[in-house]
Amino acid sequence: MVNATGEELLWRGTYRDAFPDDRWRGAGWPWVGFIWHLAPQLILPARRGRAQFLVGAGLVGGASARVAWTTGGLRWTLLAHALTDACGVRTTLYRLGRLDAGPRPPASA
């Protein structure tokens, strides 16, 4: 929740308020900033690949920018961002073996 709130305030709120009459700078620059999503992928790539993850993140970022500009606020983008982040954290914990996914089959010799 902390990460999602911080990112929404920084990337969407700040730019939207700094450039209220210029949609490209207000929404476009934060969307370009989505390249940041490559950094975690260099350490722990998504199962379906980095490119597919980045395309998905870019689509979500573009949709979120549109919602923020249309509604004039961050409520809905923050909610969606927090839910998306929660799914990613859970998946990462599972992949690292820190989250029990239920009974496991016995190890073979």
PDB file of N, CA and C in Angstrom:
ATOM      1  N   MET A   1       0.828  -1.198   0.000  1.00  0.00           N
ATOM      2  CA  MET A   1       0.000   0.000   0.000  1.00  0.00           C
ATOM      3  C   MET A   1       0.870   1.259   0.000  1.00  0.00           C
ATOM      4  N   VAL A   2       1.982   1.195   0.743  1.00  0.00           N
ATOM      5  CA  VAL A   2       2.870   2.359   0.812  1.00  0.00           C
ATOM      6  C   VAL A   2       3.491   2.653  -0.544  1.00  0.00           C
ATOM      7  N   ASN A   3       3.969   1.610  -1.222  1.00  0.00           N
ATOM      8  CA  ASN A   3       4.586   1.789  -2.537  1.00  0.00           C
ATOM      9  C   ASN A   3       3.579   2.348  -3.540  1.00  0.00           C
ATOM     10  N   ALA A   4       2.396   1.765  -3.582  1.00  0.00           N
ATOM     11  CA  ALA A   4       1.377   2.221  -4.530  1.00  0.00           C
ATOM     12  C   ALA A   4       1.002   3.681  -4.270  1.00  0.00           C
ATOM     13  N   THR A   5       0.828   4.047  -3.020  1.00  0.00           N
ATOM     14  CA  THR A   5       0.480   5.430  -2.679  1.00  0.00           C
ATOM     15  C   THR A   5       1.589   6.386  -3.097  1.00  0.00           C
ATOM     16  N   GLY A   6       2.820   6.037  -2.770  1.00  0.00           N
ATOM     17  CA  GLY A   6       3.950   6.894  -3.129  1.00  0.00           C
ATOM     18  C   GLY A   6       4.090   7.067  -4.626  1.00  0.00           C
ATOM     19  N   GLU A   7       3.967   5.966  -5.363  1.00  0.00           N
ATOM     20  CA  GLU A   7       4.097   6.059  -6.818  1.00  0.00           C
ATOM     21  C   GLU A   7       2.962   6.864  -7.438  1.00  0.00           C
ATOM     22  N   GLU A   8       1.754   6.671  -6.966  1.00  0.00           N
ATOM     23  CA  GLU A   8       0.629   7.431  -7.514  1.00  0.00           C
ATOM     24  C   GLU A   8       0.775   8.927  -7.226  1.00  0.00           C
ATOM     25  N   LEU A   9       1.163   9.256  -6.004  1.00  0.00           N
ATOM     26  CA  LEU A   9       1.354  10.673  -5.668  1.00  0.00           C
ATOM     27  C   LEU A   9       2.484  11.290  -6.486  1.00  0.00           C
ATOM     28  N   LEU A  10       3.589  10.567  -6.612  1.00  0.00           N
ATOM     29  CA  LEU A  10       4.736  11.092  -7.364  1.00  0.00           C
ATOM     30  C   LEU A  10       4.452  11.137  -8.853  1.00  0.00           C
ATOM     31  N   TRP A  11       4.147   9.990  -9.439  1.00  0.00           N
ATOM     32  CA  TRP A  11       4.078   9.894 -10.891  1.00  0.00           C
ATOM     33  C   TRP A  11       2.799  10.449 -11.485  1.00  0.00           C
ATOM     34  N   ARG A  12       1.693  10.272 -10.823  1.00  0.00           N
ATOM     35  CA  ARG A  12       0.458  10.785 -11.410  1.00  0.00           C
ATOM     36  C   ARG A  12       0.049  12.123 -10.796  1.00  0.00           C
ATOM     37  N   GLY A  13       0.024  12.193  -9.488  1.00  0.00           N
ATOM     38  CA  GLY A  13      -0.428  13.412  -8.829  1.00  0.00           C
ATOM     39  C   GLY A  13       0.462  14.615  -9.095  1.00  0.00           C
ATOM     40  N   THR A  14       1.756  14.449  -8.933  1.00  0.00           N
ATOM     41  CA  THR A  14       2.686  15.571  -9.112  1.00  0.00           C
ATOM     42  C   THR A  14       2.657  16.103 -10.537  1.00  0.00           C
ATOM     43  N   TYR A  15       2.762  15.209 -11.517  1.00  0.00           N
ATOM     44  CA  TYR A  15       2.789  15.654 -12.916  1.00  0.00           C
ATOM     45  C   TYR A  15       1.445  16.209 -13.355  1.00  0.00           C
ATOM     46  N   ARG A  16       0.361  15.617 -12.883  1.00  0.00           N
ATOM     47  CA  ARG A  16      -0.966  16.118 -13.241  1.00  0.00           C
ATOM     48  C   ARG A  16      -1.165  17.528 -12.693  1.00  0.00           C
ATOM     49  N   ASP A  17      -0.704  17.749 -11.469  1.00  0.00           N
ATOM     50  CA  ASP A  17      -0.830  19.083 -10.872  1.00  0.00           C
ATOM     51  C   ASP A  17       0.158  20.081 -11.461  1.00  0.00           C
ATOM     52  N   ALA A  18       1.349  19.621 -11.823  1.00  0.00           N
ATOM     53  CA  ALA A  18       2.359  20.529 -12.387  1.00  0.00           C
ATOM     54  C   ALA A  18       1.995  20.969 -13.798  1.00  0.00           C
ATOM     55  N   PHE A  19       1.314  20.118 -14.548  1.00  0.00           N
ATOM     56  CA  PHE A  19       0.950  20.430 -15.938  1.00  0.00           C
ATOM     57  C   PHE A  19      -0.549  20.216 -16.156  1.00  0.00           C
ATOM     58  N   PRO A  20      -1.392  20.974 -15.459  1.00  0.00           N
ATOM     59  CA  PRO A  20      -2.839  20.716 -15.529  1.00  0.00           C
ATOM     60  C   PRO A  20      -3.450  20.944 -16.909  1.00  0.00           C
ATOM     61  N   ASP A  21      -2.815  21.759 -17.740  1.00  0.00           N
ATOM     62  CA  ASP A  21      -3.367  22.059 -19.064  1.00  0.00           C
ATOM     63  C   ASP A  21      -2.617  21.355 -20.190  1.00  0.00           C
ATOM     64  N   ASP A  22      -1.664  20.517 -19.849  1.00  0.00           N
ATOM     65  CA  ASP A  22      -0.855  19.830 -20.857  1.00  0.00           C
ATOM     66  C   ASP A  22      -0.867  18.335 -20.588  1.00  0.00           C
ATOM     67  N   ARG A  23      -1.764  17.665 -21.262  1.00  0.00           N
ATOM     68  CA  ARG A  23      -1.945  16.232 -21.018  1.00  0.00           C
ATOM     69  C   ARG A  23      -0.685  15.431 -21.363  1.00  0.00           C
ATOM     70  N   TRP A  24       0.048  15.821 -22.396  1.00  0.00           N
ATOM     71  CA  TRP A  24       1.248  15.063 -22.748  1.00  0.00           C
ATOM     72  C   TRP A  24       2.260  15.089 -21.609  1.00  0.00           C
ATOM     73  N   ARG A  25       2.570  16.254 -21.102  1.00  0.00           N
ATOM     74  CA  ARG A  25       3.538  16.314 -20.001  1.00  0.00           C
ATOM     75  C   ARG A  25       2.950  15.807 -18.703  1.00  0.00           C
ATOM     76  N   GLY A  26       1.690  16.054 -18.466  1.00  0.00           N
ATOM     77  CA  GLY A  26       1.058  15.623 -17.220  1.00  0.00           C
ATOM     78  C   GLY A  26       0.818  14.126 -17.135  1.00  0.00           C
ATOM     79  N   ALA A  27       0.511  13.505 -18.258  1.00  0.00           N
ATOM     80  CA  ALA A  27       0.251  12.061 -18.262  1.00  0.00           C
ATOM     81  C   ALA A  27       1.316  11.305 -19.041  1.00  0.00           C
ATOM     82  N   GLY A  28       1.902  11.940 -20.038  1.00  0.00           N
ATOM     83  CA  GLY A  28       2.891  11.273 -20.884  1.00  0.00           C
ATOM     84  C   GLY A  28       4.206  10.991 -20.198  1.00  0.00           C
ATOM     85  N   TRP A  29       4.739  11.959 -19.490  1.00  0.00           N
ATOM     86  CA  TRP A  29       6.023  11.739 -18.818  1.00  0.00           C
ATOM     87  C   TRP A  29       5.950  10.630 -17.774  1.00  0.00           C
ATOM     88  N   PRO A  30       4.910  10.579 -16.959  1.00  0.00           N
ATOM     89  CA  PRO A  30       4.822   9.443 -16.029  1.00  0.00           C
ATOM     90  C   PRO A  30       4.736   8.108 -16.760  1.00  0.00           C
ATOM     91  N   TRP A  31       4.054   8.079 -17.891  1.00  0.00           N
ATOM     92  CA  TRP A  31       3.958   6.836 -18.648  1.00  0.00           C
ATOM     93  C   TRP A  31       5.340   6.427 -19.161  1.00  0.00           C
ATOM     94  N   VAL A  32       6.109   7.387 -19.616  1.00  0.00           N
ATOM     95  CA  VAL A  32       7.485   7.099 -20.044  1.00  0.00           C
ATOM     96  C   VAL A  32       8.290   6.575 -18.849  1.00  0.00           C
ATOM     97  N   GLY A  33       8.005   7.085 -17.655  1.00  0.00           N
ATOM     98  CA  GLY A  33       8.688   6.627 -16.441  1.00  0.00           C
ATOM     99  C   GLY A  33       8.417   5.173 -16.109  1.00  0.00           C
ATOM    100  N   PHE A  34       7.467   4.552 -16.807  1.00  0.00           N
ATOM    101  CA  PHE A  34       7.182   3.143 -16.566  1.00  0.00           C
ATOM    102  C   PHE A  34       8.357   2.247 -16.923  1.00  0.00           C
ATOM    103  N   ILE A  35       9.355   2.792 -17.605  1.00  0.00           N
ATOM    104  CA  ILE A  35      10.553   2.000 -17.906  1.00  0.00           C
ATOM    105  C   ILE A  35      11.196   1.516 -16.606  1.00  0.00           C
ATOM    106  N   TRP A  36      10.881   2.179 -15.494  1.00  0.00           N
ATOM    107  CA  TRP A  36      11.393   1.746 -14.190  1.00  0.00           C
ATOM    108  C   TRP A  36      11.022   0.289 -13.916  1.00  0.00           C
ATOM    109  N   HIS A  37       9.923  -0.168 -14.463  1.00  0.00           N
ATOM    110  CA  HIS A  37       9.494  -1.545 -14.236  1.00  0.00           C
ATOM    111  C   HIS A  37      10.473  -2.569 -14.796  1.00  0.00           C
ATOM    112  N   LEU A  38      11.422  -2.109 -15.591  1.00  0.00           N
ATOM    113  CA  LEU A  38      12.462  -3.016 -16.089  1.00  0.00           C
ATOM    114  C   LEU A  38      13.438  -3.402 -14.976  1.00  0.00           C
ATOM    115  N   ALA A  39      13.681  -2.508 -14.028  1.00  0.00           N
ATOM    116  CA  ALA A  39      14.677  -2.763 -12.976  1.00  0.00           C
ATOM    117  C   ALA A  39      14.403  -4.044 -12.193  1.00  0.00           C
ATOM    118  N   PRO A  40      13.222  -4.258 -11.627  1.00  0.00           N
ATOM    119  CA  PRO A  40      13.001  -5.510 -10.909  1.00  0.00           C
ATOM    120  C   PRO A  40      13.045  -6.735 -11.828  1.00  0.00           C
ATOM    121  N   GLN A  41      12.708  -6.527 -13.099  1.00  0.00           N
ATOM    122  CA  GLN A  41      12.728  -7.637 -14.047  1.00  0.00           C
ATOM    123  C   GLN A  41      14.143  -8.123 -14.352  1.00  0.00           C
ATOM    124  N   LEU A  42      15.108  -7.261 -14.169  1.00  0.00           N
ATOM    125  CA  LEU A  42      16.503  -7.667 -14.367  1.00  0.00           C
ATOM    126  C   LEU A  42      16.954  -8.627 -13.274  1.00  0.00           C
ATOM    127  N   ILE A  43      16.347  -8.510 -12.104  1.00  0.00           N
ATOM    128  CA  ILE A  43      16.708  -9.363 -10.971  1.00  0.00           C
ATOM    129  C   ILE A  43      15.864 -10.636 -10.954  1.00  0.00           C
ATOM    130  N   LEU A  44      14.565 -10.490 -11.102  1.00  0.00           N
ATOM    131  CA  LEU A  44      13.661 -11.642 -11.040  1.00  0.00           C
ATOM    132  C   LEU A  44      12.650 -11.517 -12.175  1.00  0.00           C
ATOM    133  N   PRO A  45      12.990 -12.049 -13.357  1.00  0.00           N
ATOM    134  CA  PRO A  45      12.112 -11.895 -14.521  1.00  0.00           C
ATOM    135  C   PRO A  45      10.762 -12.584 -14.325  1.00  0.00           C
ATOM    136  N   ALA A  46       9.753 -12.010 -14.936  1.00  0.00           N
ATOM    137  CA  ALA A  46       8.423 -12.613 -14.928  1.00  0.00           C
ATOM    138  C   ALA A  46       8.476 -13.944 -15.667  1.00  0.00           C
ATOM    139  N   ARG A  47       7.606 -14.844 -15.304  1.00  0.00           N
ATOM    140  CA  ARG A  47       7.606 -16.180 -15.934  1.00  0.00           C
ATOM    141  C   ARG A  47       7.373 -16.125 -17.427  1.00  0.00           C
ATOM    142  N   ARG A  48       6.585 -15.201 -17.869  1.00  0.00           N
ATOM    143  CA  ARG A  48       6.289 -15.105 -19.307  1.00  0.00           C
ATOM    144  C   ARG A  48       7.249 -14.175 -20.031  1.00  0.00           C
ATOM    145  N   GLY A  49       8.232 -13.655 -19.325  1.00  0.00           N
ATOM    146  CA  GLY A  49       9.246 -12.825 -19.966  1.00  0.00           C
ATOM    147  C   GLY A  49       9.133 -11.353 -19.623  1.00  0.00           C
ATOM    148  N   ARG A  50      10.266 -10.699 -19.743  1.00  0.00           N
ATOM    149  CA  ARG A  50      10.344  -9.265 -19.412  1.00  0.00           C
ATOM    150  C   ARG A  50       9.488  -8.417 -20.343  1.00  0.00           C
ATOM    151  N   ALA A  51       9.574  -8.703 -21.641  1.00  0.00           N
ATOM    152  CA  ALA A  51       8.855  -7.871 -22.609  1.00  0.00           C
ATOM    153  C   ALA A  51       7.353  -7.899 -22.350  1.00  0.00           C
ATOM    154  N   GLN A  52       6.807  -9.078 -22.120  1.00  0.00           N
ATOM    155  CA  GLN A  52       5.374  -9.189 -21.873  1.00  0.00           C
ATOM    156  C   GLN A  52       4.984  -8.460 -20.591  1.00  0.00           C
ATOM    157  N   PHE A  53       5.834  -8.548 -19.570  1.00  0.00           N
ATOM    158  CA  PHE A  53       5.568  -7.831 -18.324  1.00  0.00           C
ATOM    159  C   PHE A  53       5.563  -6.324 -18.568  1.00  0.00           C
ATOM    160  N   LEU A  54       6.558  -5.836 -19.307  1.00  0.00           N
ATOM    161  CA  LEU A  54       6.650  -4.397 -19.557  1.00  0.00           C
ATOM    162  C   LEU A  54       5.494  -3.891 -20.410  1.00  0.00           C
ATOM    163  N   VAL A  55       5.065  -4.678 -21.378  1.00  0.00           N
ATOM    164  CA  VAL A  55       3.909  -4.278 -22.185  1.00  0.00           C
ATOM    165  C   VAL A  55       2.668  -4.186 -21.292  1.00  0.00           C
ATOM    166  N   GLY A  56       2.485  -5.180 -20.440  1.00  0.00           N
ATOM    167  CA  GLY A  56       1.350  -5.146 -19.510  1.00  0.00           C
ATOM    168  C   GLY A  56       1.416  -3.949 -18.581  1.00  0.00           C
ATOM    169  N   ALA A  57       2.595  -3.678 -18.036  1.00  0.00           N
ATOM    170  CA  ALA A  57       2.762  -2.527 -17.139  1.00  0.00           C
ATOM    171  C   ALA A  57       2.486  -1.226 -17.891  1.00  0.00           C
ATOM    172  N   GLY A  58       2.931  -1.146 -19.140  1.00  0.00           N
ATOM    173  CA  GLY A  58       2.684   0.049 -19.948  1.00  0.00           C
ATOM    174  C   GLY A  58       1.210   0.271 -20.223  1.00  0.00           C
ATOM    175  N   LEU A  59       0.490  -0.812 -20.499  1.00  0.00           N
ATOM    176  CA  LEU A  59      -0.953  -0.704 -20.729  1.00  0.00           C
ATOM    177  C   LEU A  59      -1.684  -0.275 -19.463  1.00  0.00           C
ATOM    178  N   VAL A  60      -1.301  -0.866 -18.338  1.00  0.00           N
ATOM    179  CA  VAL A  60      -1.914  -0.481 -17.062  1.00  0.00           C
ATOM    180  C   VAL A  60      -1.587   0.983 -16.752  1.00  0.00           C
ATOM    181  N   GLY A  61      -0.340   1.393 -16.995  1.00  0.00           N
ATOM    182  CA  GLY A  61       0.059   2.779 -16.752  1.00  0.00           C
ATOM    183  C   GLY A  61      -0.709   3.756 -17.624  1.00  0.00           C
ATOM    184  N   GLY A  62      -0.882   3.410 -18.897  1.00  0.00           N
ATOM    185  CA  GLY A  62      -1.641   4.269 -19.799  1.00  0.00           C
ATOM    186  C   GLY A  62      -3.104   4.378 -19.389  1.00  0.00           C
ATOM    187  N   ALA A  63      -3.691   3.252 -19.028  1.00  0.00           N
ATOM    188  CA  ALA A  63      -5.092   3.258 -18.577  1.00  0.00           C
ATOM    189  C   ALA A  63      -5.241   4.049 -17.285  1.00  0.00           C
ATOM    190  N   SER A  64      -4.286   3.884 -16.383  1.00  0.00           N
ATOM    191  CA  SER A  64      -4.344   4.622 -15.112  1.00  0.00           C
ATOM    192  C   SER A  64      -4.220   6.126 -15.346  1.00  0.00           C
ATOM    193  N   ALA A  65      -3.358   6.509 -16.262  1.00  0.00           N
ATOM    194  CA  ALA A  65      -3.211   7.936 -16.578  1.00  0.00           C
ATOM    195  C   ALA A  65      -4.526   8.493 -17.112  1.00  0.00           C
ATOM    196  N   ARG A  66      -5.159   7.732 -17.971  1.00  0.00           N
ATOM    197  CA  ARG A  66      -6.448   8.185 -18.528  1.00  0.00           C
ATOM    198  C   ARG A  66      -7.506   8.331 -17.438  1.00  0.00           C
ATOM    199  N   VAL A  67      -7.569   7.358 -16.548  1.00  0.00           N
ATOM    200  CA  VAL A  67      -8.545   7.421 -15.449  1.00  0.00           C
ATOM    201  C   VAL A  67      -8.256   8.622 -14.551  1.00  0.00           C
ATOM    202  N   ALA A  68      -6.981   8.840 -14.215  1.00  0.00           N
ATOM    203  CA  ALA A  68      -6.623   9.971 -13.348  1.00  0.00           C
ATOM    204  C   ALA A  68      -7.008  11.300 -13.995  1.00  0.00           C
ATOM    205  N   TRP A  69      -6.772  11.441 -15.299  1.00  0.00           N
ATOM    206  CA  TRP A  69      -7.109  12.679 -15.981  1.00  0.00           C
ATOM    207  C   TRP A  69      -8.617  12.836 -16.137  1.00  0.00           C
ATOM    208  N   THR A  70      -9.316  11.755 -16.413  1.00  0.00           N
ATOM    209  CA  THR A  70     -10.768  11.825 -16.614  1.00  0.00           C
ATOM    210  C   THR A  70     -11.501  12.141 -15.314  1.00  0.00           C
ATOM    211  N   THR A  71     -11.091  11.489 -14.232  1.00  0.00           N
ATOM    212  CA  THR A  71     -11.775  11.692 -12.951  1.00  0.00           C
ATOM    213  C   THR A  71     -11.242  12.891 -12.186  1.00  0.00           C
ATOM    214  N   GLY A  72     -10.043  13.344 -12.523  1.00  0.00           N
ATOM    215  CA  GLY A  72      -9.439  14.469 -11.817  1.00  0.00           C
ATOM    216  C   GLY A  72      -8.866  14.097 -10.463  1.00  0.00           C
ATOM    217  N   GLY A  73      -8.662  12.813 -10.221  1.00  0.00           N
ATOM    218  CA  GLY A  73      -8.125  12.380  -8.932  1.00  0.00           C
ATOM    219  C   GLY A  73      -7.392  11.058  -9.031  1.00  0.00           C
ATOM    220  N   LEU A  74      -6.929  10.602  -7.891  1.00  0.00           N
ATOM    221  CA  LEU A  74      -6.116   9.389  -7.834  1.00  0.00           C
ATOM    222  C   LEU A  74      -6.801   8.224  -7.126  1.00  0.00           C
ATOM    223  N   ARG A  75      -8.004   8.398  -6.644  1.00  0.00           N
ATOM    224  CA  ARG A  75      -8.662   7.356  -5.850  1.00  0.00           C
ATOM    225  C   ARG A  75      -8.678   6.011  -6.575  1.00  0.00           C
ATOM    226  N   TRP A  76      -9.168   5.991  -7.808  1.00  0.00           N
ATOM    227  CA  TRP A  76      -9.334   4.716  -8.515  1.00  0.00           C
ATOM    228  C   TRP A  76      -8.002   4.158  -8.993  1.00  0.00           C
ATOM    229  N   THR A  77      -7.084   5.026  -9.373  1.00  0.00           N
ATOM    230  CA  THR A  77      -5.770   4.520  -9.801  1.00  0.00           C
ATOM    231  C   THR A  77      -5.002   3.975  -8.605  1.00  0.00           C
ATOM    232  N   LEU A  78      -5.150   4.600  -7.458  1.00  0.00           N
ATOM    233  CA  LEU A  78      -4.472   4.112  -6.250  1.00  0.00           C
ATOM    234  C   LEU A  78      -5.010   2.743  -5.849  1.00  0.00           C
ATOM    235  N   LEU A  79      -6.312   2.580  -5.895  1.00  0.00           N
ATOM    236  CA  LEU A  79      -6.910   1.292  -5.552  1.00  0.00           C
ATOM    237  C   LEU A  79      -6.420   0.194  -6.502  1.00  0.00           C
ATOM    238  N   ALA A  80      -6.459   0.464  -7.804  1.00  0.00           N
ATOM    239  CA  ALA A  80      -6.001  -0.525  -8.790  1.00  0.00           C
ATOM    240  C   ALA A  80      -4.513  -0.820  -8.618  1.00  0.00           C
ATOM    241  N   HIS A  81      -3.718   0.198  -8.357  1.00  0.00           N
ATOM    242  CA  HIS A  81      -2.275   0.032  -8.181  1.00  0.00           C
ATOM    243  C   HIS A  81      -1.977  -0.821  -6.955  1.00  0.00           C
ATOM    244  N   ALA A  82      -2.667  -0.551  -5.865  1.00  0.00           N
ATOM    245  CA  ALA A  82      -2.444  -1.321  -4.637  1.00  0.00           C
ATOM    246  C   ALA A  82      -2.811  -2.791  -4.839  1.00  0.00           C
ATOM    247  N   LEU A  83      -3.910  -3.051  -5.519  1.00  0.00           N
ATOM    248  CA  LEU A  83      -4.315  -4.439  -5.776  1.00  0.00           C
ATOM    249  C   LEU A  83      -3.324  -5.136  -6.706  1.00  0.00           C
ATOM    250  N   THR A  84      -2.864  -4.444  -7.725  1.00  0.00           N
ATOM    251  CA  THR A  84      -1.883  -5.017  -8.641  1.00  0.00           C
ATOM    252  C   THR A  84      -0.578  -5.317  -7.925  1.00  0.00           C
ATOM    253  N   ASP A  85      -0.112  -4.379  -7.116  1.00  0.00           N
ATOM    254  CA  ASP A  85       1.127  -4.604  -6.361  1.00  0.00           C
ATOM    255  C   ASP A  85       0.982  -5.783  -5.405  1.00  0.00           C
ATOM    256  N   ALA A  86      -0.168  -5.903  -4.774  1.00  0.00           N
ATOM    257  CA  ALA A  86      -0.384  -7.003  -3.835  1.00  0.00           C
ATOM    258  C   ALA A  86      -0.279  -8.349  -4.547  1.00  0.00           C
ATOM    259  N   CYS A  87      -0.793  -8.433  -5.754  1.00  0.00           N
ATOM    260  CA  CYS A  87      -0.690  -9.680  -6.528  1.00  0.00           C
ATOM    261  C   CYS A  87       0.766  -9.980  -6.862  1.00  0.00           C
ATOM    262  N   GLY A  88       1.519  -8.980  -7.256  1.00  0.00           N
ATOM    263  CA  GLY A  88       2.929  -9.181  -7.603  1.00  0.00           C
ATOM    264  C   GLY A  88       3.769  -9.591  -6.416  1.00  0.00           C
ATOM    265  N   VAL A  89       3.529  -8.994  -5.261  1.00  0.00           N
ATOM    266  CA  VAL A  89       4.277  -9.344  -4.051  1.00  0.00           C
ATOM    267  C   VAL A  89       3.993 -10.787  -3.671  1.00  0.00           C
ATOM    268  N   ARG A  90       2.756 -11.172  -3.723  1.00  0.00           N
ATOM    269  CA  ARG A  90       2.375 -12.544  -3.379  1.00  0.00           C
ATOM    270  C   ARG A  90       3.037 -13.544  -4.329  1.00  0.00           C
ATOM    271  N   THR A  91       3.035 -13.248  -5.609  1.00  0.00           N
ATOM    272  CA  THR A  91       3.662 -14.132  -6.593  1.00  0.00           C
ATOM    273  C   THR A  91       5.161 -14.239  -6.355  1.00  0.00           C
ATOM    274  N   THR A  92       5.810 -13.129  -6.074  1.00  0.00           N
ATOM    275  CA  THR A  92       7.249 -13.136  -5.828  1.00  0.00           C
ATOM    276  C   THR A  92       7.581 -13.951  -4.585  1.00  0.00           C
ATOM    277  N   LEU A  93       6.821 -13.778  -3.528  1.00  0.00           N
ATOM    278  CA  LEU A  93       7.061 -14.553  -2.309  1.00  0.00           C
ATOM    279  C   LEU A  93       6.907 -16.046  -2.577  1.00  0.00           C
ATOM    280  N   TYR A  94       5.915 -16.405  -3.373  1.00  0.00           N
ATOM    281  CA  TYR A  94       5.721 -17.809  -3.707  1.00  0.00           C
ATOM    282  C   TYR A  94       6.911 -18.343  -4.506  1.00  0.00           C
ATOM    283  N   ARG A  95       7.353 -17.583  -5.489  1.00  0.00           N
ATOM    284  CA  ARG A  95       8.486 -18.022  -6.326  1.00  0.00           C
ATOM    285  C   ARG A  95       9.769 -18.144  -5.525  1.00  0.00           C
ATOM    286  N   LEU A  96       9.925 -17.335  -4.511  1.00  0.00           N
ATOM    287  CA  LEU A  96      11.134 -17.395  -3.677  1.00  0.00           C
ATOM    288  C   LEU A  96      11.020 -18.453  -2.583  1.00  0.00           C
ATOM    289  N   GLY A  97       9.875 -19.139  -2.513  1.00  0.00           N
ATOM    290  CA  GLY A  97       9.685 -20.180  -1.517  1.00  0.00           C
ATOM    291  C   GLY A  97       9.352 -19.657  -0.136  1.00  0.00           C
ATOM    292  N   ARG A  98       8.928 -18.411  -0.042  1.00  0.00           N
ATOM    293  CA  ARG A  98       8.604 -17.814   1.261  1.00  0.00           C
ATOM    294  C   ARG A  98       7.113 -17.784   1.540  1.00  0.00           C
ATOM    295  N   LEU A  99       6.327 -18.358   0.661  1.00  0.00           N
ATOM    296  CA  LEU A  99       4.891 -18.387   0.830  1.00  0.00           C
ATOM    297  C   LEU A  99       4.432 -19.802   0.568  1.00  0.00           C
ATOM    298  N   ASP A 100       3.770 -20.382   1.523  1.00  0.00           N
ATOM    299  CA  ASP A 100       3.314 -21.759   1.387  1.00  0.00           C
ATOM    300  C   ASP A 100       2.082 -21.785   0.496  1.00  0.00           C
ATOM    301  N   ALA A 101       2.148 -22.605  -0.543  1.00  0.00           N
ATOM    302  CA  ALA A 101       1.036 -22.708  -1.482  1.00  0.00           C
ATOM    303  C   ALA A 101       0.206 -23.950  -1.218  1.00  0.00           C
ATOM    304  N   GLY A 102       0.380 -24.574  -0.090  1.00  0.00           N
ATOM    305  CA  GLY A 102      -0.367 -25.769   0.226  1.00  0.00           C
ATOM    306  C   GLY A 102       0.539 -26.989   0.252  1.00  0.00           C
ATOM    307  N   PRO A 103      -0.042 -28.153   0.355  1.00  0.00           N
ATOM    308  CA  PRO A 103       0.766 -29.368   0.444  1.00  0.00           C
ATOM    309  C   PRO A 103       1.599 -29.575  -0.820  1.00  0.00           C
ATOM    310  N   ARG A 104       2.803 -30.004  -0.626  1.00  0.00           N
ATOM    311  CA  ARG A 104       3.707 -30.281  -1.739  1.00  0.00           C
ATOM    312  C   ARG A 104       3.887 -31.786  -1.870  1.00  0.00           C
ATOM    313  N   PRO A 105       4.095 -32.252  -3.091  1.00  0.00           N
ATOM    314  CA  PRO A 105       4.340 -33.680  -3.250  1.00  0.00           C
ATOM    315  C   PRO A 105       5.676 -34.049  -2.635  1.00  0.00           C
ATOM    316  N   PRO A 106       5.830 -35.309  -2.228  1.00  0.00           N
ATOM    317  CA  PRO A 106       7.105 -35.730  -1.630  1.00  0.00           C
ATOM    318  C   PRO A 106       8.246 -35.585  -2.635  1.00  0.00           C
ATOM    319  N   ALA A 107       9.399 -35.206  -2.114  1.00  0.00           N
ATOM    320  CA  ALA A 107      10.580 -35.051  -2.972  1.00  0.00           C
ATOM    321  C   ALA A 107      11.042 -36.421  -3.454  1.00  0.00           C
ATOM    322  N   SER A 108      11.393 -36.467  -4.723  1.00  0.00           N
ATOM    323  CA  SER A 108      11.902 -37.747  -5.261  1.00  0.00           C
ATOM    324  C   SER A 108      13.386 -37.879  -4.958  1.00  0.00           C
ATOM    325  N   ALA A 109      13.836 -39.099  -4.841  1.00  0.00           N
ATOM    326  CA  ALA A 109      15.227 -39.361  -4.472  1.00  0.00           C
ATOM    327  C   ALA A 109      16.172 -39.181  -5.603  1.00  0.00           C
TER     328      ALA A 109
END
